[in-house]
Amino acid sequence: MLSQQQLKQQAADAALAYIEPMLGADVIIGVGTGSTADLFIDGLARYAGRFRGAVASSVRSAERLAGHGIAVLDLNDVQHMPVYVDGADEIDAGMNMIKGGGGALTREKIVASVADEFVCIADDSKLVRRLGRFPLPVEVIPMAREAVARALRAYGGIPALREGFVTDNGNVILDVSGLEINEPARLEQEINNLPGVVTCGLFALRGANLALLAGSDGVQRLLPGARG
């Protein structure tokens, strides 16, 4: 039986094989944050010199890319990006995701919004029938922490401050358990509209275009409209 680390490596390798035909001198790759994204970055080092560079969704990923000799570009200087590759904490058959376990959800959402295609890489334990077992991260401006927490309780959630953690943007994270996520896109929009919320970790308004999910039988390709 393969370990979770081996499954993550399989998913990262599948993503590298998927993007290889896209590479070219002017191509910029969007890169996410987290343990599976780290493996993708390590593999991407093999292709350094075959593409222009990457946009990172966190300081952590930027440092890892630079350590492999891959040029890290500012998103403000990027006009086009064919693909963004990142992991997920949960994904459903509708390609809706919960992300932000590593706290980079805002920058992940921004970088993903510029890419033509979002490729989600994960082990198949992340595939769920309904989102919400994993607590939903919500990035909040510090002065609004309690006001946002009260609003999230009104949704039936149980918000908990992520202790000792500050995002790359200087904000705090509320991890919200107990939510009934029956309409992910609607809930994403409503939480994002709460004053003081930077963004929440629901990726449903702009979900994944392709999921590469590694399991004991290999890597499953999940596309919008598939059934899990």
C-alpha atoms as a PDB file:
ATOM      1  CA  MET A   1       0.000   0.000   0.000  1.00  0.00           C
ATOM      2  CA  LEU A   2       1.386   3.379  -1.004  1.00  0.00           C
ATOM      3  CA  SER A   3       2.002   6.031   1.617  1.00  0.00           C
ATOM      4  CA  GLN A   4       0.318   9.413   1.414  1.00  0.00           C
ATOM      5  CA  GLN A   5       3.659  10.931   0.471  1.00  0.00           C
ATOM      6  CA  GLN A   6       4.004   8.496  -2.431  1.00  0.00           C
ATOM      7  CA  LEU A   7       0.477   9.313  -3.594  1.00  0.00           C
ATOM      8  CA  LYS A   8       1.223  13.033  -3.494  1.00  0.00           C
ATOM      9  CA  GLN A   9       4.342  12.381  -5.559  1.00  0.00           C
ATOM     10  CA  GLN A  10       2.279  10.481  -8.133  1.00  0.00           C
ATOM     11  CA  ALA A  11      -0.152  13.406  -8.418  1.00  0.00           C
ATOM     12  CA  ALA A  12       2.704  15.896  -8.783  1.00  0.00           C
ATOM     13  CA  ASP A  13       4.350  13.750 -11.452  1.00  0.00           C
ATOM     14  CA  ALA A  14       1.054  13.501 -13.344  1.00  0.00           C
ATOM     15  CA  ALA A  15       0.763  17.296 -13.323  1.00  0.00           C
ATOM     16  CA  LEU A  16       4.307  17.666 -14.627  1.00  0.00           C
ATOM     17  CA  ALA A  17       3.515  15.279 -17.487  1.00  0.00           C
ATOM     18  CA  TYR A  18       0.329  17.251 -18.190  1.00  0.00           C
ATOM     19  CA  ILE A  19       2.003  20.652 -18.415  1.00  0.00           C
ATOM     20  CA  GLU A  20       5.155  19.554 -20.270  1.00  0.00           C
ATOM     21  CA  PRO A  21       3.612  20.064 -23.744  1.00  0.00           C
ATOM     22  CA  MET A  22       2.673  23.638 -22.737  1.00  0.00           C
ATOM     23  CA  LEU A  23       6.223  24.693 -21.926  1.00  0.00           C
ATOM     24  CA  GLY A  24       7.979  27.251 -24.067  1.00  0.00           C
ATOM     25  CA  ALA A  25      10.269  30.251 -23.862  1.00  0.00           C
ATOM     26  CA  ASP A  26       7.472  32.699 -23.050  1.00  0.00           C
ATOM     27  CA  VAL A  27       5.358  30.428 -20.839  1.00  0.00           C
ATOM     28  CA  ILE A  28       4.675  31.290 -17.210  1.00  0.00           C
ATOM     29  CA  ILE A  29       3.375  28.648 -14.803  1.00  0.00           C
ATOM     30  CA  GLY A  30       1.235  29.450 -11.754  1.00  0.00           C
ATOM     31  CA  VAL A  31       2.268  27.471  -8.686  1.00  0.00           C
ATOM     32  CA  GLY A  32       0.351  26.861  -5.467  1.00  0.00           C
ATOM     33  CA  THR A  33       1.318  26.228  -1.877  1.00  0.00           C
ATOM     34  CA  GLY A  34       1.460  23.150   0.314  1.00  0.00           C
ATOM     35  CA  SER A  35       3.107  19.757   0.580  1.00  0.00           C
ATOM     36  CA  THR A  36       1.862  18.475  -2.795  1.00  0.00           C
ATOM     37  CA  ALA A  37       2.718  21.763  -4.497  1.00  0.00           C
ATOM     38  CA  ASP A  38       6.217  21.470  -2.998  1.00  0.00           C
ATOM     39  CA  LEU A  39       6.673  18.161  -4.820  1.00  0.00           C
ATOM     40  CA  PHE A  40       5.434  19.742  -8.046  1.00  0.00           C
ATOM     41  CA  ILE A  41       7.944  22.582  -7.624  1.00  0.00           C
ATOM     42  CA  ASP A  42      10.766  20.100  -7.027  1.00  0.00           C
ATOM     43  CA  GLY A  43       9.860  18.281 -10.230  1.00  0.00           C
ATOM     44  CA  LEU A  44       9.463  21.523 -12.146  1.00  0.00           C
ATOM     45  CA  ALA A  45      13.157  22.135 -11.523  1.00  0.00           C
ATOM     46  CA  ARG A  46      13.893  19.504 -14.187  1.00  0.00           C
ATOM     47  CA  TYR A  47      12.368  21.822 -16.782  1.00  0.00           C
ATOM     48  CA  ALA A  48      14.128  25.030 -15.684  1.00  0.00           C
ATOM     49  CA  GLY A  49      15.235  26.852 -18.810  1.00  0.00           C
ATOM     50  CA  ARG A  50      12.362  25.453 -20.886  1.00  0.00           C
ATOM     51  CA  PHE A  51       9.899  28.107 -19.717  1.00  0.00           C
ATOM     52  CA  ARG A  52      10.104  31.757 -18.717  1.00  0.00           C
ATOM     53  CA  GLY A  53       9.307  31.407 -15.018  1.00  0.00           C
ATOM     54  CA  ALA A  54       6.584  31.003 -12.428  1.00  0.00           C
ATOM     55  CA  VAL A  55       4.199  33.032 -10.309  1.00  0.00           C
ATOM     56  CA  ALA A  56       4.019  31.799  -6.719  1.00  0.00           C
ATOM     57  CA  SER A  57       1.019  31.963  -4.408  1.00  0.00           C
ATOM     58  CA  SER A  58       3.128  32.365  -1.253  1.00  0.00           C
ATOM     59  CA  VAL A  59       6.504  33.432   0.042  1.00  0.00           C
ATOM     60  CA  ARG A  60       7.162  29.773   0.848  1.00  0.00           C
ATOM     61  CA  SER A  61       6.624  28.641  -2.739  1.00  0.00           C
ATOM     62  CA  ALA A  62       8.545  31.604  -4.156  1.00  0.00           C
ATOM     63  CA  GLU A  63      11.565  30.693  -2.054  1.00  0.00           C
ATOM     64  CA  ARG A  64      11.361  27.052  -3.113  1.00  0.00           C
ATOM     65  CA  LEU A  65      11.110  27.984  -6.796  1.00  0.00           C
ATOM     66  CA  ALA A  66      14.040  30.392  -6.534  1.00  0.00           C
ATOM     67  CA  GLY A  67      16.073  27.715  -4.769  1.00  0.00           C
ATOM     68  CA  HIS A  68      15.699  25.566  -7.888  1.00  0.00           C
ATOM     69  CA  GLY A  69      16.846  28.382 -10.161  1.00  0.00           C
ATOM     70  CA  ILE A  70      13.351  29.096 -11.503  1.00  0.00           C
ATOM     71  CA  ALA A  71      12.581  32.773 -12.124  1.00  0.00           C
ATOM     72  CA  VAL A  72       9.793  34.038  -9.863  1.00  0.00           C
ATOM     73  CA  LEU A  73       7.680  36.738 -11.497  1.00  0.00           C
ATOM     74  CA  ASP A  74       5.375  39.365 -10.027  1.00  0.00           C
ATOM     75  CA  LEU A  75       1.794  38.714 -11.093  1.00  0.00           C
ATOM     76  CA  ASN A  76       1.456  42.404 -12.010  1.00  0.00           C
ATOM     77  CA  ASP A  77       3.973  41.823 -14.786  1.00  0.00           C
ATOM     78  CA  VAL A  78       2.162  38.787 -16.217  1.00  0.00           C
ATOM     79  CA  GLN A  79      -0.335  39.115 -19.052  1.00  0.00           C
ATOM     80  CA  HIS A  80      -1.055  35.440 -19.673  1.00  0.00           C
ATOM     81  CA  MET A  81      -0.671  32.202 -17.766  1.00  0.00           C
ATOM     82  CA  PRO A  82      -1.891  28.927 -19.289  1.00  0.00           C
ATOM     83  CA  VAL A  83      -2.079  26.891 -16.100  1.00  0.00           C
ATOM     84  CA  TYR A  84      -2.102  27.086 -12.314  1.00  0.00           C
ATOM     85  CA  VAL A  85      -1.210  23.923 -10.370  1.00  0.00           C
ATOM     86  CA  ASP A  86      -2.107  23.509  -6.714  1.00  0.00           C
ATOM     87  CA  GLY A  87      -3.410  21.053  -4.145  1.00  0.00           C
ATOM     88  CA  ALA A  88      -6.661  21.051  -2.194  1.00  0.00           C
ATOM     89  CA  ASP A  89      -7.830  20.115   1.269  1.00  0.00           C
ATOM     90  CA  GLU A  90     -11.108  18.823  -0.194  1.00  0.00           C
ATOM     91  CA  ILE A  91     -12.584  18.546  -3.685  1.00  0.00           C
ATOM     92  CA  ASP A  92     -15.996  17.295  -4.791  1.00  0.00           C
ATOM     93  CA  ALA A  93     -17.256  15.845  -8.056  1.00  0.00           C
ATOM     94  CA  GLY A  94     -18.365  19.311  -9.153  1.00  0.00           C
ATOM     95  CA  MET A  95     -14.720  20.471  -8.929  1.00  0.00           C
ATOM     96  CA  ASN A  96     -15.505  22.748  -5.989  1.00  0.00           C
ATOM     97  CA  MET A  97     -12.691  22.867  -3.447  1.00  0.00           C
ATOM     98  CA  ILE A  98     -11.796  23.866   0.080  1.00  0.00           C
ATOM     99  CA  LYS A  99      -8.290  25.284   0.212  1.00  0.00           C
ATOM    100  CA  GLY A 100      -6.245  27.255   2.704  1.00  0.00           C
ATOM    101  CA  GLY A 101      -4.967  24.678   5.153  1.00  0.00           C
ATOM    102  CA  GLY A 102      -1.565  26.272   4.607  1.00  0.00           C
ATOM    103  CA  GLY A 103      -2.980  29.780   4.940  1.00  0.00           C
ATOM    104  CA  ALA A 104      -2.242  30.958   1.378  1.00  0.00           C
ATOM    105  CA  LEU A 105      -5.847  30.943   0.163  1.00  0.00           C
ATOM    106  CA  THR A 106      -6.041  34.603  -0.890  1.00  0.00           C
ATOM    107  CA  ARG A 107      -2.928  34.601  -3.030  1.00  0.00           C
ATOM    108  CA  GLU A 108      -3.867  31.165  -4.375  1.00  0.00           C
ATOM    109  CA  LYS A 109      -7.252  32.500  -5.453  1.00  0.00           C
ATOM    110  CA  ILE A 110      -5.692  35.579  -7.062  1.00  0.00           C
ATOM    111  CA  VAL A 111      -3.052  33.665  -9.032  1.00  0.00           C
ATOM    112  CA  ALA A 112      -5.565  31.004 -10.081  1.00  0.00           C
ATOM    113  CA  SER A 113      -7.912  33.709 -11.397  1.00  0.00           C
ATOM    114  CA  VAL A 114      -5.340  34.749 -14.005  1.00  0.00           C
ATOM    115  CA  ALA A 115      -4.674  31.241 -15.333  1.00  0.00           C
ATOM    116  CA  ASP A 116      -6.567  29.702 -18.226  1.00  0.00           C
ATOM    117  CA  GLU A 117      -6.764  26.404 -16.382  1.00  0.00           C
ATOM    118  CA  PHE A 118      -6.661  25.286 -12.736  1.00  0.00           C
ATOM    119  CA  VAL A 119      -5.155  21.817 -12.249  1.00  0.00           C
ATOM    120  CA  CYS A 120      -5.759  20.373  -8.789  1.00  0.00           C
ATOM    121  CA  ILE A 121      -3.305  17.719  -7.573  1.00  0.00           C
ATOM    122  CA  ALA A 122      -4.025  15.578  -4.519  1.00  0.00           C
ATOM    123  CA  ASP A 123      -4.333  12.062  -3.211  1.00  0.00           C
ATOM    124  CA  ASP A 124      -7.793  10.567  -3.641  1.00  0.00           C
ATOM    125  CA  SER A 125      -8.642  10.867   0.063  1.00  0.00           C
ATOM    126  CA  LYS A 126      -9.339  14.546  -0.696  1.00  0.00           C
ATOM    127  CA  LEU A 127     -12.286  13.623  -2.945  1.00  0.00           C
ATOM    128  CA  VAL A 128     -15.512  13.998  -0.936  1.00  0.00           C
ATOM    129  CA  ARG A 129     -19.226  13.809  -1.644  1.00  0.00           C
ATOM    130  CA  ARG A 130     -19.884  17.108   0.095  1.00  0.00           C
ATOM    131  CA  LEU A 131     -17.452  19.775   1.235  1.00  0.00           C
ATOM    132  CA  GLY A 132     -17.185  20.742   4.880  1.00  0.00           C
ATOM    133  CA  ARG A 133     -15.538  18.052   6.950  1.00  0.00           C
ATOM    134  CA  PHE A 134     -12.301  20.008   6.615  1.00  0.00           C
ATOM    135  CA  PRO A 135     -12.764  23.331   8.469  1.00  0.00           C
ATOM    136  CA  LEU A 136     -13.208  26.235   6.059  1.00  0.00           C
ATOM    137  CA  PRO A 137     -10.369  28.782   6.321  1.00  0.00           C
ATOM    138  CA  VAL A 138     -11.421  32.429   6.161  1.00  0.00           C
ATOM    139  CA  GLU A 139      -8.793  35.172   5.906  1.00  0.00           C
ATOM    140  CA  VAL A 140      -9.841  38.187   7.951  1.00  0.00           C
ATOM    141  CA  ILE A 141      -8.473  41.681   8.572  1.00  0.00           C
ATOM    142  CA  PRO A 142      -7.458  41.578  12.271  1.00  0.00           C
ATOM    143  CA  MET A 143      -9.755  44.362  13.503  1.00  0.00           C
ATOM    144  CA  ALA A 144     -12.772  42.505  12.071  1.00  0.00           C
ATOM    145  CA  ARG A 145     -11.973  39.137  13.646  1.00  0.00           C
ATOM    146  CA  GLU A 146     -14.799  39.063  16.202  1.00  0.00           C
ATOM    147  CA  ALA A 147     -17.365  40.732  13.945  1.00  0.00           C
ATOM    148  CA  VAL A 148     -16.696  38.142  11.242  1.00  0.00           C
ATOM    149  CA  ALA A 149     -16.729  35.308  13.793  1.00  0.00           C
ATOM    150  CA  ARG A 150     -20.212  36.378  14.941  1.00  0.00           C
ATOM    151  CA  ALA A 151     -21.444  36.439  11.346  1.00  0.00           C
ATOM    152  CA  LEU A 152     -20.007  32.979  10.681  1.00  0.00           C
ATOM    153  CA  ARG A 153     -21.748  31.620  13.781  1.00  0.00           C
ATOM    154  CA  ALA A 154     -25.017  32.863  12.278  1.00  0.00           C
ATOM    155  CA  TYR A 155     -24.322  30.501   9.359  1.00  0.00           C
ATOM    156  CA  GLY A 156     -24.063  27.634  11.848  1.00  0.00           C
ATOM    157  CA  GLY A 157     -20.275  27.567  11.786  1.00  0.00           C
ATOM    158  CA  ILE A 158     -17.881  27.273  14.693  1.00  0.00           C
ATOM    159  CA  PRO A 159     -14.987  29.656  13.988  1.00  0.00           C
ATOM    160  CA  ALA A 160     -11.628  29.175  15.680  1.00  0.00           C
ATOM    161  CA  LEU A 161      -8.700  31.567  15.390  1.00  0.00           C
ATOM    162  CA  ARG A 162      -5.630  29.879  13.922  1.00  0.00           C
ATOM    163  CA  GLU A 163      -3.308  30.604  16.814  1.00  0.00           C
ATOM    164  CA  GLY A 164       0.170  31.979  16.189  1.00  0.00           C
ATOM    165  CA  PHE A 165      -0.418  32.356  12.452  1.00  0.00           C
ATOM    166  CA  VAL A 166      -0.339  35.463  10.270  1.00  0.00           C
ATOM    167  CA  THR A 167      -0.824  35.280   6.511  1.00  0.00           C
ATOM    168  CA  ASP A 168       1.647  36.663   3.976  1.00  0.00           C
ATOM    169  CA  ASN A 169      -0.825  39.559   3.727  1.00  0.00           C
ATOM    170  CA  GLY A 170      -0.638  40.373   7.442  1.00  0.00           C
ATOM    171  CA  ASN A 171      -4.068  38.988   8.304  1.00  0.00           C
ATOM    172  CA  VAL A 172      -5.482  36.235  10.529  1.00  0.00           C
ATOM    173  CA  ILE A 173      -7.277  32.994   9.669  1.00  0.00           C
ATOM    174  CA  LEU A 174     -10.540  31.764  11.160  1.00  0.00           C
ATOM    175  CA  ASP A 175     -10.995  28.011  10.629  1.00  0.00           C
ATOM    176  CA  VAL A 176     -14.732  27.333  10.536  1.00  0.00           C
ATOM    177  CA  SER A 177     -16.071  23.873  11.312  1.00  0.00           C
ATOM    178  CA  GLY A 178     -19.666  22.681  11.321  1.00  0.00           C
ATOM    179  CA  LEU A 179     -20.821  24.434   8.148  1.00  0.00           C
ATOM    180  CA  GLU A 180     -23.464  22.865   5.902  1.00  0.00           C
ATOM    181  CA  ILE A 181     -22.008  23.474   2.450  1.00  0.00           C
ATOM    182  CA  ASN A 182     -24.849  22.521   0.143  1.00  0.00           C
ATOM    183  CA  GLU A 183     -24.333  25.357  -2.350  1.00  0.00           C
ATOM    184  CA  PRO A 184     -20.589  26.065  -2.392  1.00  0.00           C
ATOM    185  CA  ALA A 185     -20.657  28.963  -4.887  1.00  0.00           C
ATOM    186  CA  ARG A 186     -23.452  30.773  -3.062  1.00  0.00           C
ATOM    187  CA  LEU A 187     -21.773  30.345   0.322  1.00  0.00           C
ATOM    188  CA  GLU A 188     -18.429  31.488  -1.090  1.00  0.00           C
ATOM    189  CA  GLN A 189     -19.983  34.675  -2.387  1.00  0.00           C
ATOM    190  CA  GLU A 190     -21.862  35.387   0.842  1.00  0.00           C
ATOM    191  CA  ILE A 191     -18.854  34.856   3.120  1.00  0.00           C
ATOM    192  CA  ASN A 192     -16.603  36.873   0.809  1.00  0.00           C
ATOM    193  CA  ASN A 193     -19.099  39.761   1.098  1.00  0.00           C
ATOM    194  CA  LEU A 194     -18.861  39.948   4.894  1.00  0.00           C
ATOM    195  CA  PRO A 195     -17.106  43.196   5.882  1.00  0.00           C
ATOM    196  CA  GLY A 196     -13.586  42.385   7.027  1.00  0.00           C
ATOM    197  CA  VAL A 197     -13.279  39.128   5.078  1.00  0.00           C
ATOM    198  CA  VAL A 198     -10.450  39.122   2.549  1.00  0.00           C
ATOM    199  CA  THR A 199     -11.585  35.818   1.069  1.00  0.00           C
ATOM    200  CA  CYS A 200     -12.695  32.377   2.179  1.00  0.00           C
ATOM    201  CA  GLY A 201     -11.196  29.040   1.231  1.00  0.00           C
ATOM    202  CA  LEU A 202     -14.103  27.946  -0.940  1.00  0.00           C
ATOM    203  CA  PHE A 203     -13.018  27.695  -4.570  1.00  0.00           C
ATOM    204  CA  ALA A 204     -16.378  27.215  -6.257  1.00  0.00           C
ATOM    205  CA  LEU A 205     -17.066  30.399  -8.210  1.00  0.00           C
ATOM    206  CA  ARG A 206     -13.850  29.438  -9.991  1.00  0.00           C
ATOM    207  CA  GLY A 207     -13.227  25.755  -9.338  1.00  0.00           C
ATOM    208  CA  ALA A 208     -10.764  23.316 -10.842  1.00  0.00           C
ATOM    209  CA  ASN A 209     -10.761  22.477 -14.545  1.00  0.00           C
ATOM    210  CA  LEU A 210      -8.946  19.195 -13.995  1.00  0.00           C
ATOM    211  CA  ALA A 211      -8.150  17.144 -10.897  1.00  0.00           C
ATOM    212  CA  LEU A 212      -5.341  14.585 -10.852  1.00  0.00           C
ATOM    213  CA  LEU A 213      -6.098  12.367  -7.873  1.00  0.00           C
ATOM    214  CA  ALA A 214      -3.609   9.655  -6.959  1.00  0.00           C
ATOM    215  CA  GLY A 215      -4.804   6.400  -5.443  1.00  0.00           C
ATOM    216  CA  SER A 216      -3.747   2.784  -5.092  1.00  0.00           C
ATOM    217  CA  ASP A 217      -4.832   2.108  -8.695  1.00  0.00           C
ATOM    218  CA  GLY A 218      -2.972   5.063 -10.192  1.00  0.00           C
ATOM    219  CA  VAL A 219      -3.956   8.631 -11.011  1.00  0.00           C
ATOM    220  CA  GLN A 220      -7.615   9.396 -11.690  1.00  0.00           C
ATOM    221  CA  ARG A 221      -8.453  12.333 -13.989  1.00  0.00           C
ATOM    222  CA  LEU A 222     -11.560  14.137 -12.774  1.00  0.00           C
ATOM    223  CA  LEU A 223     -13.221  16.651 -15.087  1.00  0.00           C
ATOM    224  CA  PRO A 224     -16.235  18.935 -14.579  1.00  0.00           C
ATOM    225  CA  GLY A 225     -19.421  16.951 -14.877  1.00  0.00           C
ATOM    226  CA  ALA A 226     -17.822  13.687 -13.724  1.00  0.00           C
ATOM    227  CA  ARG A 227     -19.396  11.751 -10.928  1.00  0.00           C
ATOM    228  CA  GLY A 228     -17.460  10.768  -7.816  1.00  0.00           C
END
